[in-house]
Amino acid sequence: MSENKDQETQFPVKQTGPKREMSRRQFLSYALGGTSAFMAAGPLIPMIRFAVDPILQPKGEADWVKVVEESKIQSEPQSFKFTVNQVDGWYESTPTIEAWIAKDDSGEIFALNPTCKHLGCTVNWNNPKFPNEYYCPCHDAHYTKLGKNLAVAPAPLDQYEVKVDGGFVYLGKLHPNELV
């Protein structure tokens, strides 16, 4: 008997608690919960795909839009309206856009966006209050012929890319003004 006590003290036996087994109720809860989650994901996946798909589509380059004959462009800015094909996600539209087009002192054609950089109102050319300038009636912002901001507005008018081909003026993407 003393030998057994010596062996027990030298090599203590680990005693573990009662085994925790999964009950039938737990198993059914986990199985039904997993199945329900899997079945709920079925209709959600196409909805998520529908919402995210336009973001994943590659963006195309902006198309050039034929606006006016080159012979009609003068050194005095003129307003020309044109339509573009615009795709916003799943919505496709053809808005009418305006541009002020003129020739600079060296005879190069340029086109400016008429949206004031202060609060987004539309600017006009050659107002009696500010002759030979673009003028915004909202808060008296005004710009030079090339679109440089003179008062109120924090930045110059945006500029369109311009291309002359076959006697016609084409406008491309809108970008910050590089003329000033």
C-alpha atoms as a PDB file:
ATOM      1  CA  MET A   1       0.000   0.000   0.000  1.00  0.00           C
ATOM      2  CA  SER A   2       2.786   2.378   0.715  1.00  0.00           C
ATOM      3  CA  GLU A   3       4.129   1.771  -2.767  1.00  0.00           C
ATOM      4  CA  ASN A   4       0.886   3.000  -4.292  1.00  0.00           C
ATOM      5  CA  LYS A   5       0.992   6.167  -2.213  1.00  0.00           C
ATOM      6  CA  ASP A   6       4.551   6.852  -3.345  1.00  0.00           C
ATOM      7  CA  GLN A   7       3.573   6.400  -6.975  1.00  0.00           C
ATOM      8  CA  GLU A   8       0.590   8.705  -6.571  1.00  0.00           C
ATOM      9  CA  THR A   9       2.682  11.461  -5.084  1.00  0.00           C
ATOM     10  CA  GLN A  10       5.341  11.129  -7.723  1.00  0.00           C
ATOM     11  CA  PHE A  11       2.922  11.042 -10.654  1.00  0.00           C
ATOM     12  CA  PRO A  12      -0.240  12.863  -9.764  1.00  0.00           C
ATOM     13  CA  VAL A  13      -3.194  11.935 -11.925  1.00  0.00           C
ATOM     14  CA  LYS A  14      -4.887  14.850 -13.607  1.00  0.00           C
ATOM     15  CA  GLN A  15      -8.483  14.899 -12.880  1.00  0.00           C
ATOM     16  CA  THR A  16     -10.678  16.517 -15.480  1.00  0.00           C
ATOM     17  CA  GLY A  17     -14.140  17.865 -14.939  1.00  0.00           C
ATOM     18  CA  PRO A  18     -17.172  16.334 -16.463  1.00  0.00           C
ATOM     19  CA  LYS A  19     -17.121  16.230 -20.267  1.00  0.00           C
ATOM     20  CA  ARG A  20     -19.232  18.929 -21.841  1.00  0.00           C
ATOM     21  CA  GLU A  21     -21.219  17.427 -24.586  1.00  0.00           C
ATOM     22  CA  MET A  22     -23.490  19.337 -26.938  1.00  0.00           C
ATOM     23  CA  SER A  23     -27.100  18.782 -26.163  1.00  0.00           C
ATOM     24  CA  ARG A  24     -29.655  18.077 -28.873  1.00  0.00           C
ATOM     25  CA  ARG A  25     -31.186  21.502 -28.292  1.00  0.00           C
ATOM     26  CA  GLN A  26     -27.829  23.259 -28.844  1.00  0.00           C
ATOM     27  CA  PHE A  27     -27.119  21.208 -31.944  1.00  0.00           C
ATOM     28  CA  LEU A  28     -30.521  22.062 -33.432  1.00  0.00           C
ATOM     29  CA  SER A  29     -30.058  25.759 -32.554  1.00  0.00           C
ATOM     30  CA  TYR A  30     -26.684  25.896 -34.311  1.00  0.00           C
ATOM     31  CA  ALA A  31     -27.900  23.896 -37.315  1.00  0.00           C
ATOM     32  CA  LEU A  32     -31.065  25.960 -37.767  1.00  0.00           C
ATOM     33  CA  GLY A  33     -29.195  29.247 -37.216  1.00  0.00           C
ATOM     34  CA  GLY A  34     -26.537  28.368 -39.813  1.00  0.00           C
ATOM     35  CA  THR A  35     -29.134  27.190 -42.310  1.00  0.00           C
ATOM     36  CA  SER A  36     -31.203  30.351 -41.785  1.00  0.00           C
ATOM     37  CA  ALA A  37     -28.140  32.575 -42.297  1.00  0.00           C
ATOM     38  CA  PHE A  38     -27.215  30.694 -45.468  1.00  0.00           C
ATOM     39  CA  MET A  39     -30.747  31.006 -46.851  1.00  0.00           C
ATOM     40  CA  ALA A  40     -30.970  34.715 -45.960  1.00  0.00           C
ATOM     41  CA  ALA A  41     -27.693  35.375 -47.816  1.00  0.00           C
ATOM     42  CA  GLY A  42     -29.186  33.943 -51.027  1.00  0.00           C
ATOM     43  CA  PRO A  43     -31.404  36.950 -51.842  1.00  0.00           C
ATOM     44  CA  LEU A  44     -28.890  39.451 -50.415  1.00  0.00           C
ATOM     45  CA  ILE A  45     -26.010  38.529 -52.728  1.00  0.00           C
ATOM     46  CA  PRO A  46     -27.757  39.677 -55.944  1.00  0.00           C
ATOM     47  CA  MET A  47     -28.847  42.897 -54.214  1.00  0.00           C
ATOM     48  CA  ILE A  48     -25.288  43.660 -53.138  1.00  0.00           C
ATOM     49  CA  ARG A  49     -24.016  42.810 -56.613  1.00  0.00           C
ATOM     50  CA  PHE A  50     -26.616  45.141 -58.167  1.00  0.00           C
ATOM     51  CA  ALA A  51     -25.541  48.006 -55.892  1.00  0.00           C
ATOM     52  CA  VAL A  52     -21.786  47.496 -56.290  1.00  0.00           C
ATOM     53  CA  ASP A  53     -21.588  46.549 -59.983  1.00  0.00           C
ATOM     54  CA  PRO A  54     -21.492  50.129 -61.392  1.00  0.00           C
ATOM     55  CA  ILE A  55     -18.475  50.877 -59.199  1.00  0.00           C
ATOM     56  CA  LEU A  56     -16.624  47.844 -60.559  1.00  0.00           C
ATOM     57  CA  GLN A  57     -17.219  48.739 -64.236  1.00  0.00           C
ATOM     58  CA  PRO A  58     -14.186  50.273 -65.977  1.00  0.00           C
ATOM     59  CA  LYS A  59     -14.504  53.983 -66.593  1.00  0.00           C
ATOM     60  CA  GLY A  60     -14.300  55.016 -70.236  1.00  0.00           C
ATOM     61  CA  GLU A  61     -12.575  58.088 -71.480  1.00  0.00           C
ATOM     62  CA  ALA A  62     -14.729  61.158 -71.994  1.00  0.00           C
ATOM     63  CA  ASP A  63     -16.131  61.428 -75.482  1.00  0.00           C
ATOM     64  CA  TRP A  64     -15.483  64.461 -77.611  1.00  0.00           C
ATOM     65  CA  VAL A  65     -18.661  66.394 -78.387  1.00  0.00           C
ATOM     66  CA  LYS A  66     -19.084  68.429 -81.585  1.00  0.00           C
ATOM     67  CA  VAL A  67     -20.234  71.896 -80.492  1.00  0.00           C
ATOM     68  CA  VAL A  68     -19.837  74.527 -83.215  1.00  0.00           C
ATOM     69  CA  GLU A  69     -18.156  75.367 -86.521  1.00  0.00           C
ATOM     70  CA  GLU A  70     -14.677  76.813 -86.099  1.00  0.00           C
ATOM     71  CA  SER A  71     -15.535  79.795 -88.329  1.00  0.00           C
ATOM     72  CA  LYS A  72     -18.166  81.014 -85.811  1.00  0.00           C
ATOM     73  CA  ILE A  73     -15.632  81.426 -82.983  1.00  0.00           C
ATOM     74  CA  GLN A  74     -14.548  85.024 -82.361  1.00  0.00           C
ATOM     75  CA  SER A  75     -12.293  86.759 -79.860  1.00  0.00           C
ATOM     76  CA  GLU A  76     -15.421  87.836 -77.949  1.00  0.00           C
ATOM     77  CA  PRO A  77     -16.697  84.920 -75.767  1.00  0.00           C
ATOM     78  CA  GLN A  78     -19.974  83.373 -76.924  1.00  0.00           C
ATOM     79  CA  SER A  79     -22.250  80.929 -75.149  1.00  0.00           C
ATOM     80  CA  PHE A  80     -22.858  77.579 -76.867  1.00  0.00           C
ATOM     81  CA  LYS A  81     -25.112  74.790 -75.615  1.00  0.00           C
ATOM     82  CA  PHE A  82     -24.571  71.105 -76.364  1.00  0.00           C
ATOM     83  CA  THR A  83     -25.773  67.738 -75.063  1.00  0.00           C
ATOM     84  CA  VAL A  84     -23.688  64.879 -73.702  1.00  0.00           C
ATOM     85  CA  ASN A  85     -24.483  61.264 -72.925  1.00  0.00           C
ATOM     86  CA  GLN A  86     -24.059  60.827 -69.163  1.00  0.00           C
ATOM     87  CA  VAL A  87     -24.153  57.531 -67.227  1.00  0.00           C
ATOM     88  CA  ASP A  88     -24.484  57.650 -63.431  1.00  0.00           C
ATOM     89  CA  GLY A  89     -24.525  54.079 -62.158  1.00  0.00           C
ATOM     90  CA  TRP A  90     -27.615  52.577 -63.743  1.00  0.00           C
ATOM     91  CA  TYR A  91     -29.138  55.939 -64.757  1.00  0.00           C
ATOM     92  CA  GLU A  92     -28.426  57.234 -68.257  1.00  0.00           C
ATOM     93  CA  SER A  93     -29.319  60.781 -69.343  1.00  0.00           C
ATOM     94  CA  THR A  94     -28.468  63.453 -71.930  1.00  0.00           C
ATOM     95  CA  PRO A  95     -28.171  66.802 -70.123  1.00  0.00           C
ATOM     96  CA  THR A  96     -27.699  70.083 -71.964  1.00  0.00           C
ATOM     97  CA  ILE A  97     -24.451  71.802 -71.019  1.00  0.00           C
ATOM     98  CA  GLU A  98     -23.244  75.324 -71.725  1.00  0.00           C
ATOM     99  CA  ALA A  99     -19.743  76.563 -72.509  1.00  0.00           C
ATOM    100  CA  TRP A 100     -18.279  79.977 -73.207  1.00  0.00           C
ATOM    101  CA  ILE A 101     -16.000  79.607 -76.249  1.00  0.00           C
ATOM    102  CA  ALA A 102     -13.611  82.248 -77.627  1.00  0.00           C
ATOM    103  CA  LYS A 103     -10.150  82.819 -79.081  1.00  0.00           C
ATOM    104  CA  ASP A 104      -7.336  84.131 -76.917  1.00  0.00           C
ATOM    105  CA  ASP A 105      -4.849  86.827 -78.013  1.00  0.00           C
ATOM    106  CA  SER A 106      -2.738  84.273 -79.923  1.00  0.00           C
ATOM    107  CA  GLY A 107      -5.784  82.924 -81.807  1.00  0.00           C
ATOM    108  CA  GLU A 108      -6.075  79.662 -79.852  1.00  0.00           C
ATOM    109  CA  ILE A 109      -9.603  78.496 -79.093  1.00  0.00           C
ATOM    110  CA  PHE A 110     -10.531  77.911 -75.450  1.00  0.00           C
ATOM    111  CA  ALA A 111     -13.767  76.977 -73.688  1.00  0.00           C
ATOM    112  CA  LEU A 112     -14.825  77.771 -70.115  1.00  0.00           C
ATOM    113  CA  ASN A 113     -17.511  76.317 -67.891  1.00  0.00           C
ATOM    114  CA  PRO A 114     -19.985  79.060 -66.841  1.00  0.00           C
ATOM    115  CA  THR A 115     -20.395  77.757 -63.279  1.00  0.00           C
ATOM    116  CA  CYS A 116     -19.148  80.283 -60.724  1.00  0.00           C
ATOM    117  CA  LYS A 117     -16.556  78.833 -58.338  1.00  0.00           C
ATOM    118  CA  HIS A 118     -18.038  80.747 -55.406  1.00  0.00           C
ATOM    119  CA  LEU A 119     -21.521  79.230 -55.024  1.00  0.00           C
ATOM    120  CA  GLY A 120     -22.280  77.597 -58.376  1.00  0.00           C
ATOM    121  CA  CYS A 121     -24.397  80.278 -60.038  1.00  0.00           C
ATOM    122  CA  THR A 122     -24.114  80.819 -63.807  1.00  0.00           C
ATOM    123  CA  VAL A 123     -21.800  83.567 -65.020  1.00  0.00           C
ATOM    124  CA  ASN A 124     -22.519  85.791 -68.020  1.00  0.00           C
ATOM    125  CA  TRP A 125     -20.219  87.814 -70.257  1.00  0.00           C
ATOM    126  CA  ASN A 126     -19.998  91.591 -70.567  1.00  0.00           C
ATOM    127  CA  ASN A 127     -22.330  92.886 -67.874  1.00  0.00           C
ATOM    128  CA  PRO A 128     -22.701  96.708 -67.695  1.00  0.00           C
ATOM    129  CA  LYS A 129     -21.389  96.585 -64.121  1.00  0.00           C
ATOM    130  CA  PHE A 130     -18.220  94.731 -65.231  1.00  0.00           C
ATOM    131  CA  PRO A 131     -17.640  95.260 -68.981  1.00  0.00           C
ATOM    132  CA  ASN A 132     -15.479  92.707 -70.841  1.00  0.00           C
ATOM    133  CA  GLU A 133     -15.562  90.299 -67.893  1.00  0.00           C
ATOM    134  CA  TYR A 134     -17.571  87.285 -66.804  1.00  0.00           C
ATOM    135  CA  TYR A 135     -19.954  88.326 -64.059  1.00  0.00           C
ATOM    136  CA  CYS A 136     -21.859  86.254 -61.492  1.00  0.00           C
ATOM    137  CA  PRO A 137     -25.050  88.017 -60.342  1.00  0.00           C
ATOM    138  CA  CYS A 138     -25.304  86.039 -57.084  1.00  0.00           C
ATOM    139  CA  HIS A 139     -22.518  87.750 -55.110  1.00  0.00           C
ATOM    140  CA  ASP A 140     -20.717  90.025 -57.588  1.00  0.00           C
ATOM    141  CA  ALA A 141     -17.956  87.568 -58.410  1.00  0.00           C
ATOM    142  CA  HIS A 142     -16.223  88.417 -61.676  1.00  0.00           C
ATOM    143  CA  TYR A 143     -13.566  86.891 -63.903  1.00  0.00           C
ATOM    144  CA  THR A 144     -11.289  87.920 -66.776  1.00  0.00           C
ATOM    145  CA  LYS A 145     -11.838  86.751 -70.362  1.00  0.00           C
ATOM    146  CA  LEU A 146      -9.561  83.743 -69.690  1.00  0.00           C
ATOM    147  CA  GLY A 147     -11.506  82.885 -66.519  1.00  0.00           C
ATOM    148  CA  LYS A 148      -9.130  84.253 -63.859  1.00  0.00           C
ATOM    149  CA  ASN A 149     -10.982  85.082 -60.647  1.00  0.00           C
ATOM    150  CA  LEU A 150     -10.848  88.784 -59.739  1.00  0.00           C
ATOM    151  CA  ALA A 151     -13.188  89.104 -56.750  1.00  0.00           C
ATOM    152  CA  VAL A 152     -15.210  86.930 -54.344  1.00  0.00           C
ATOM    153  CA  ALA A 153     -14.649  83.568 -56.112  1.00  0.00           C
ATOM    154  CA  PRO A 154     -11.859  81.404 -54.637  1.00  0.00           C
ATOM    155  CA  ALA A 155     -10.690  79.878 -57.951  1.00  0.00           C
ATOM    156  CA  PRO A 156     -10.754  80.522 -61.721  1.00  0.00           C
ATOM    157  CA  LEU A 157     -13.496  79.136 -63.976  1.00  0.00           C
ATOM    158  CA  ASP A 158     -12.982  75.523 -65.077  1.00  0.00           C
ATOM    159  CA  GLN A 159     -11.834  74.848 -68.625  1.00  0.00           C
ATOM    160  CA  TYR A 160     -12.878  72.239 -71.219  1.00  0.00           C
ATOM    161  CA  GLU A 161     -10.395  70.316 -73.347  1.00  0.00           C
ATOM    162  CA  VAL A 162     -10.696  71.678 -76.905  1.00  0.00           C
ATOM    163  CA  LYS A 163      -9.995  69.936 -80.199  1.00  0.00           C
ATOM    164  CA  VAL A 164     -10.509  71.344 -83.708  1.00  0.00           C
ATOM    165  CA  ASP A 165     -11.124  68.718 -86.372  1.00  0.00           C
ATOM    166  CA  GLY A 166     -12.631  69.053 -89.847  1.00  0.00           C
ATOM    167  CA  GLY A 167     -13.639  72.673 -89.291  1.00  0.00           C
ATOM    168  CA  PHE A 168     -15.577  71.937 -86.086  1.00  0.00           C
ATOM    169  CA  VAL A 169     -14.784  72.621 -82.429  1.00  0.00           C
ATOM    170  CA  TYR A 170     -15.053  69.583 -80.139  1.00  0.00           C
ATOM    171  CA  LEU A 171     -15.116  69.780 -76.348  1.00  0.00           C
ATOM    172  CA  GLY A 172     -13.839  67.067 -74.021  1.00  0.00           C
ATOM    173  CA  LYS A 173     -13.359  66.693 -70.279  1.00  0.00           C
ATOM    174  CA  LEU A 174     -13.673  69.523 -67.803  1.00  0.00           C
ATOM    175  CA  HIS A 175     -10.558  70.313 -65.749  1.00  0.00           C
ATOM    176  CA  PRO A 176      -9.083  73.175 -63.680  1.00  0.00           C
ATOM    177  CA  ASN A 177      -8.171  76.266 -65.659  1.00  0.00           C
ATOM    178  CA  GLU A 178      -4.644  76.219 -67.107  1.00  0.00           C
ATOM    179  CA  LEU A 179      -4.936  79.518 -68.977  1.00  0.00           C
ATOM    180  CA  VAL A 180      -4.334  81.754 -65.969  1.00  0.00           C
END
